[in-house]
């Protein structure tokens, strides 16, 4: 999967049913109505997420690397 910015990753989460609960500084906090997990996505302008962080967030969100 190509590297995504924080904003692009947030759009991907929302497409898969995740909801923005709050913003803490530059981190967007997401929850899912059916999963007991909380994800924190760093949104630093147009900077891309590091590959390991992106992979870990995808795995925690239950999204297949498309």
PDB file of N, CA and C in Angstrom:
ATOM      1  N   UNK A   1       0.835  -1.178   0.000  1.00  0.00           N
ATOM      2  CA  UNK A   1       0.000   0.000   0.000  1.00  0.00           C
ATOM      3  C   UNK A   1       0.878   1.239   0.000  1.00  0.00           C
ATOM      4  N   UNK A   2       0.443   2.261  -0.726  1.00  0.00           N
ATOM      5  CA  UNK A   2       1.236   3.485  -0.787  1.00  0.00           C
ATOM      6  C   UNK A   2       1.153   4.249   0.531  1.00  0.00           C
ATOM      7  N   UNK A   3       2.137   5.072   0.768  1.00  0.00           N
ATOM      8  CA  UNK A   3       2.160   5.875   1.991  1.00  0.00           C
ATOM      9  C   UNK A   3       1.054   6.922   1.928  1.00  0.00           C
ATOM     10  N   UNK A   4       0.312   7.046   3.021  1.00  0.00           N
ATOM     11  CA  UNK A   4      -0.790   7.999   3.106  1.00  0.00           C
ATOM     12  C   UNK A   4      -0.449   9.093   4.099  1.00  0.00           C
ATOM     13  N   UNK A   5      -1.005  10.269   3.878  1.00  0.00           N
ATOM     14  CA  UNK A   5      -0.865  11.324   4.873  1.00  0.00           C
ATOM     15  C   UNK A   5      -1.862  11.029   5.995  1.00  0.00           C
ATOM     16  N   UNK A   6      -1.750  11.762   7.083  1.00  0.00           N
ATOM     17  CA  UNK A   6      -2.680  11.575   8.189  1.00  0.00           C
ATOM     18  C   UNK A   6      -4.116  11.841   7.773  1.00  0.00           C
ATOM     19  N   UNK A   7      -4.327  12.892   6.974  1.00  0.00           N
ATOM     20  CA  UNK A   7      -5.678  13.223   6.516  1.00  0.00           C
ATOM     21  C   UNK A   7      -6.247  12.131   5.622  1.00  0.00           C
ATOM     22  N   UNK A   8      -5.423  11.606   4.711  1.00  0.00           N
ATOM     23  CA  UNK A   8      -5.883  10.526   3.824  1.00  0.00           C
ATOM     24  C   UNK A   8      -6.227   9.285   4.632  1.00  0.00           C
ATOM     25  N   UNK A   9      -5.424   9.005   5.676  1.00  0.00           N
ATOM     26  CA  UNK A   9      -5.690   7.843   6.504  1.00  0.00           C
ATOM     27  C   UNK A   9      -6.994   8.015   7.273  1.00  0.00           C
ATOM     28  N   UNK A  10      -7.276   9.237   7.722  1.00  0.00           N
ATOM     29  CA  UNK A  10      -8.532   9.513   8.419  1.00  0.00           C
ATOM     30  C   UNK A  10      -9.724   9.259   7.503  1.00  0.00           C
ATOM     31  N   UNK A  11      -9.616   9.674   6.239  1.00  0.00           N
ATOM     32  CA  UNK A  11     -10.696   9.418   5.283  1.00  0.00           C
ATOM     33  C   UNK A  11     -10.906   7.928   5.091  1.00  0.00           C
ATOM     34  N   UNK A  12      -9.816   7.163   5.045  1.00  0.00           N
ATOM     35  CA  UNK A  12      -9.906   5.712   4.895  1.00  0.00           C
ATOM     36  C   UNK A  12     -10.619   5.097   6.098  1.00  0.00           C
ATOM     37  N   UNK A  13     -10.278   5.536   7.299  1.00  0.00           N
ATOM     38  CA  UNK A  13     -10.940   5.029   8.504  1.00  0.00           C
ATOM     39  C   UNK A  13     -12.434   5.323   8.467  1.00  0.00           C
ATOM     40  N   UNK A  14     -12.787   6.546   8.114  1.00  0.00           N
ATOM     41  CA  UNK A  14     -14.198   6.934   8.075  1.00  0.00           C
ATOM     42  C   UNK A  14     -14.967   6.125   7.040  1.00  0.00           C
ATOM     43  N   UNK A  15     -14.306   5.778   5.956  1.00  0.00           N
ATOM     44  CA  UNK A  15     -14.934   4.944   4.927  1.00  0.00           C
ATOM     45  C   UNK A  15     -15.250   3.551   5.458  1.00  0.00           C
ATOM     46  N   UNK A  16     -14.475   3.095   6.443  1.00  0.00           N
ATOM     47  CA  UNK A  16     -14.666   1.771   7.030  1.00  0.00           C
ATOM     48  C   UNK A  16     -15.456   1.808   8.341  1.00  0.00           C
ATOM     49  N   UNK A  17     -16.166   2.895   8.608  1.00  0.00           N
ATOM     50  CA  UNK A  17     -17.057   2.942   9.751  1.00  0.00           C
ATOM     51  C   UNK A  17     -16.503   3.554  11.022  1.00  0.00           C
ATOM     52  N   UNK A  18     -15.265   4.011  11.028  1.00  0.00           N
ATOM     53  CA  UNK A  18     -14.683   4.639  12.213  1.00  0.00           C
ATOM     54  C   UNK A  18     -15.205   6.063  12.316  1.00  0.00           C
ATOM     55  N   UNK A  19     -15.363   6.539  13.542  1.00  0.00           N
ATOM     56  CA  UNK A  19     -15.893   7.881  13.780  1.00  0.00           C
ATOM     57  C   UNK A  19     -14.896   8.718  14.577  1.00  0.00           C
ATOM     58  N   UNK A  20     -14.752   9.962  14.176  1.00  0.00           N
ATOM     59  CA  UNK A  20     -13.893  10.896  14.897  1.00  0.00           C
ATOM     60  C   UNK A  20     -14.567  11.275  16.207  1.00  0.00           C
ATOM     61  N   UNK A  21     -13.909  11.022  17.325  1.00  0.00           N
ATOM     62  CA  UNK A  21     -14.471  11.332  18.630  1.00  0.00           C
ATOM     63  C   UNK A  21     -13.969  12.674  19.147  1.00  0.00           C
ATOM     64  N   UNK A  22     -12.668  12.920  18.974  1.00  0.00           N
ATOM     65  CA  UNK A  22     -12.116  14.189  19.439  1.00  0.00           C
ATOM     66  C   UNK A  22     -10.763  14.419  18.768  1.00  0.00           C
ATOM     67  N   UNK A  23     -10.272  15.623  18.930  1.00  0.00           N
ATOM     68  CA  UNK A  23      -8.947  15.972  18.429  1.00  0.00           C
ATOM     69  C   UNK A  23      -8.133  16.442  19.619  1.00  0.00           C
ATOM     70  N   UNK A  24      -6.998  15.823  19.825  1.00  0.00           N
ATOM     71  CA  UNK A  24      -6.101  16.190  20.918  1.00  0.00           C
ATOM     72  C   UNK A  24      -4.802  16.692  20.301  1.00  0.00           C
ATOM     73  N   UNK A  25      -4.688  17.990  20.181  1.00  0.00           N
ATOM     74  CA  UNK A  25      -3.507  18.562  19.532  1.00  0.00           C
ATOM     75  C   UNK A  25      -3.531  18.230  18.057  1.00  0.00           C
ATOM     76  N   UNK A  26      -2.512  17.531  17.588  1.00  0.00           N
ATOM     77  CA  UNK A  26      -2.448  17.149  16.177  1.00  0.00           C
ATOM     78  C   UNK A  26      -2.846  15.689  15.965  1.00  0.00           C
ATOM     79  N   UNK A  27      -3.438  15.059  16.975  1.00  0.00           N
ATOM     80  CA  UNK A  27      -3.851  13.664  16.871  1.00  0.00           C
ATOM     81  C   UNK A  27      -5.372  13.557  16.850  1.00  0.00           C
ATOM     82  N   UNK A  28      -5.872  12.842  15.873  1.00  0.00           N
ATOM     83  CA  UNK A  28      -7.308  12.610  15.751  1.00  0.00           C
ATOM     84  C   UNK A  28      -7.618  11.258  16.381  1.00  0.00           C
ATOM     85  N   UNK A  29      -8.570  11.242  17.288  1.00  0.00           N
ATOM     86  CA  UNK A  29      -8.912  10.039  18.042  1.00  0.00           C
ATOM     87  C   UNK A  29     -10.181   9.442  17.444  1.00  0.00           C
ATOM     88  N   UNK A  30     -10.097   8.175  17.003  1.00  0.00           N
ATOM     89  CA  UNK A  30     -11.210   7.501  16.345  1.00  0.00           C
ATOM     90  C   UNK A  30     -11.676   6.308  17.166  1.00  0.00           C
ATOM     91  N   UNK A  31     -12.993   6.072  17.127  1.00  0.00           N
ATOM     92  CA  UNK A  31     -13.579   4.874  17.725  1.00  0.00           C
ATOM     93  C   UNK A  31     -14.483   4.222  16.689  1.00  0.00           C
ATOM     94  N   UNK A  32     -14.796   2.968  16.929  1.00  0.00           N
ATOM     95  CA  UNK A  32     -15.690   2.231  16.031  1.00  0.00           C
ATOM     96  C   UNK A  32     -16.876   1.741  16.854  1.00  0.00           C
ATOM     97  N   UNK A  33     -18.093   1.876  16.332  1.00  0.00           N
ATOM     98  CA  UNK A  33     -19.266   1.473  17.117  1.00  0.00           C
ATOM     99  C   UNK A  33     -19.321  -0.014  17.453  1.00  0.00           C
ATOM    100  N   UNK A  34     -18.647  -0.858  16.680  1.00  0.00           N
ATOM    101  CA  UNK A  34     -18.718  -2.302  16.902  1.00  0.00           C
ATOM    102  C   UNK A  34     -17.441  -2.893  17.499  1.00  0.00           C
ATOM    103  N   UNK A  35     -16.382  -2.104  17.575  1.00  0.00           N
ATOM    104  CA  UNK A  35     -15.105  -2.599  18.086  1.00  0.00           C
ATOM    105  C   UNK A  35     -14.714  -1.823  19.340  1.00  0.00           C
ATOM    106  N   UNK A  36     -14.153  -2.503  20.341  1.00  0.00           N
ATOM    107  CA  UNK A  36     -13.773  -1.821  21.585  1.00  0.00           C
ATOM    108  C   UNK A  36     -12.379  -1.197  21.512  1.00  0.00           C
ATOM    109  N   UNK A  37     -12.033  -0.608  20.390  1.00  0.00           N
ATOM    110  CA  UNK A  37     -10.695  -0.055  20.204  1.00  0.00           C
ATOM    111  C   UNK A  37     -10.760   1.452  20.001  1.00  0.00           C
ATOM    112  N   UNK A  38      -9.646   2.094  20.301  1.00  0.00           N
ATOM    113  CA  UNK A  38      -9.483   3.520  20.063  1.00  0.00           C
ATOM    114  C   UNK A  38      -8.199   3.685  19.266  1.00  0.00           C
ATOM    115  N   UNK A  39      -8.261   4.453  18.174  1.00  0.00           N
ATOM    116  CA  UNK A  39      -7.080   4.698  17.352  1.00  0.00           C
ATOM    117  C   UNK A  39      -6.725   6.175  17.397  1.00  0.00           C
ATOM    118  N   UNK A  40      -5.444   6.454  17.502  1.00  0.00           N
ATOM    119  CA  UNK A  40      -4.946   7.820  17.486  1.00  0.00           C
ATOM    120  C   UNK A  40      -4.116   7.999  16.217  1.00  0.00           C
ATOM    121  N   UNK A  41      -4.571   8.902  15.341  1.00  0.00           N
ATOM    122  CA  UNK A  41      -3.904   9.124  14.062  1.00  0.00           C
ATOM    123  C   UNK A  41      -3.236  10.496  14.084  1.00  0.00           C
ATOM    124  N   UNK A  42      -1.903  10.553  13.904  1.00  0.00           N
ATOM    125  CA  UNK A  42      -1.231  11.846  13.866  1.00  0.00           C
ATOM    126  C   UNK A  42      -1.499  12.541  12.531  1.00  0.00           C
ATOM    127  N   UNK A  43      -1.962  13.777  12.593  1.00  0.00           N
ATOM    128  CA  UNK A  43      -2.228  14.555  11.385  1.00  0.00           C
ATOM    129  C   UNK A  43      -1.326  15.782  11.443  1.00  0.00           C
ATOM    130  N   UNK A  44      -0.211  15.699  10.747  1.00  0.00           N
ATOM    131  CA  UNK A  44       0.779  16.783  10.731  1.00  0.00           C
ATOM    132  C   UNK A  44       0.862  17.362   9.325  1.00  0.00           C
ATOM    133  N   UNK A  45      -0.115  18.177   8.984  1.00  0.00           N
ATOM    134  CA  UNK A  45      -0.125  18.795   7.658  1.00  0.00           C
ATOM    135  C   UNK A  45      -0.208  17.739   6.578  1.00  0.00           C
ATOM    136  N   UNK A  46       0.642  17.828   5.594  1.00  0.00           N
ATOM    137  CA  UNK A  46       0.631  16.875   4.494  1.00  0.00           C
ATOM    138  C   UNK A  46       1.674  15.784   4.625  1.00  0.00           C
ATOM    139  N   UNK A  47       2.300  15.672   5.804  1.00  0.00           N
ATOM    140  CA  UNK A  47       3.334  14.657   5.989  1.00  0.00           C
ATOM    141  C   UNK A  47       2.732  13.256   5.937  1.00  0.00           C
ATOM    142  N   UNK A  48       3.458  12.342   5.299  1.00  0.00           N
ATOM    143  CA  UNK A  48       2.983  10.964   5.215  1.00  0.00           C
ATOM    144  C   UNK A  48       3.309  10.231   6.512  1.00  0.00           C
ATOM    145  N   UNK A  49       2.487   9.224   6.805  1.00  0.00           N
ATOM    146  CA  UNK A  49       2.729   8.379   7.968  1.00  0.00           C
ATOM    147  C   UNK A  49       3.901   7.465   7.674  1.00  0.00           C
ATOM    148  N   UNK A  50       4.664   7.154   8.691  1.00  0.00           N
ATOM    149  CA  UNK A  50       5.761   6.200   8.515  1.00  0.00           C
ATOM    150  C   UNK A  50       5.163   4.828   8.219  1.00  0.00           C
ATOM    151  N   UNK A  51       5.910   4.033   7.474  1.00  0.00           N
ATOM    152  CA  UNK A  51       5.409   2.752   6.991  1.00  0.00           C
ATOM    153  C   UNK A  51       4.980   1.820   8.131  1.00  0.00           C
ATOM    154  N   UNK A  52       5.772   1.724   9.194  1.00  0.00           N
ATOM    155  CA  UNK A  52       5.444   0.841  10.309  1.00  0.00           C
ATOM    156  C   UNK A  52       4.207   1.300  11.061  1.00  0.00           C
ATOM    157  N   UNK A  53       4.078   2.605  11.264  1.00  0.00           N
ATOM    158  CA  UNK A  53       2.906   3.148  11.948  1.00  0.00           C
ATOM    159  C   UNK A  53       1.653   2.909  11.122  1.00  0.00           C
ATOM    160  N   UNK A  54       1.757   3.153   9.832  1.00  0.00           N
ATOM    161  CA  UNK A  54       0.600   2.943   8.953  1.00  0.00           C
ATOM    162  C   UNK A  54       0.164   1.488   8.980  1.00  0.00           C
ATOM    163  N   UNK A  55       1.102   0.579   8.911  1.00  0.00           N
ATOM    164  CA  UNK A  55       0.793  -0.849   8.943  1.00  0.00           C
ATOM    165  C   UNK A  55       0.151  -1.244  10.271  1.00  0.00           C
ATOM    166  N   UNK A  56       0.660  -0.708  11.380  1.00  0.00           N
ATOM    167  CA  UNK A  56       0.119  -1.024  12.705  1.00  0.00           C
ATOM    168  C   UNK A  56      -1.302  -0.476  12.865  1.00  0.00           C
ATOM    169  N   UNK A  57      -1.539   0.742  12.378  1.00  0.00           N
ATOM    170  CA  UNK A  57      -2.882   1.320  12.457  1.00  0.00           C
ATOM    171  C   UNK A  57      -3.882   0.535  11.608  1.00  0.00           C
ATOM    172  N   UNK A  58      -3.450   0.111  10.419  1.00  0.00           N
ATOM    173  CA  UNK A  58      -4.332  -0.696   9.555  1.00  0.00           C
ATOM    174  C   UNK A  58      -4.691  -2.001  10.244  1.00  0.00           C
ATOM    175  N   UNK A  59      -3.703  -2.637  10.849  1.00  0.00           N
ATOM    176  CA  UNK A  59      -3.940  -3.922  11.523  1.00  0.00           C
ATOM    177  C   UNK A  59      -4.880  -3.726  12.714  1.00  0.00           C
ATOM    178  N   UNK A  60      -4.665  -2.678  13.516  1.00  0.00           N
ATOM    179  CA  UNK A  60      -5.513  -2.428  14.664  1.00  0.00           C
ATOM    180  C   UNK A  60      -6.934  -2.083  14.244  1.00  0.00           C
ATOM    181  N   UNK A  61      -7.082  -1.429  13.092  1.00  0.00           N
ATOM    182  CA  UNK A  61      -8.414  -1.049  12.598  1.00  0.00           C
ATOM    183  C   UNK A  61      -9.123  -2.212  11.916  1.00  0.00           C
ATOM    184  N   UNK A  62      -8.386  -3.285  11.630  1.00  0.00           N
ATOM    185  CA  UNK A  62      -8.987  -4.428  10.954  1.00  0.00           C
ATOM    186  C   UNK A  62      -9.204  -4.196   9.472  1.00  0.00           C
ATOM    187  N   UNK A  63      -8.356  -3.352   8.888  1.00  0.00           N
ATOM    188  CA  UNK A  63      -8.463  -3.034   7.461  1.00  0.00           C
ATOM    189  C   UNK A  63      -7.352  -3.757   6.723  1.00  0.00           C
ATOM    190  N   UNK A  64      -7.708  -4.415   5.642  1.00  0.00           N
ATOM    191  CA  UNK A  64      -6.745  -5.107   4.811  1.00  0.00           C
ATOM    192  C   UNK A  64      -5.896  -4.091   4.053  1.00  0.00           C
ATOM    193  N   UNK A  65      -4.605  -4.314   3.963  1.00  0.00           N
ATOM    194  CA  UNK A  65      -3.734  -3.427   3.180  1.00  0.00           C
ATOM    195  C   UNK A  65      -4.101  -3.568   1.708  1.00  0.00           C
ATOM    196  N   UNK A  66      -4.838  -2.615   1.217  1.00  0.00           N
ATOM    197  CA  UNK A  66      -5.388  -2.683  -0.144  1.00  0.00           C
ATOM    198  C   UNK A  66      -4.415  -2.221  -1.183  1.00  0.00           C
TER     199      UNK A  66
END
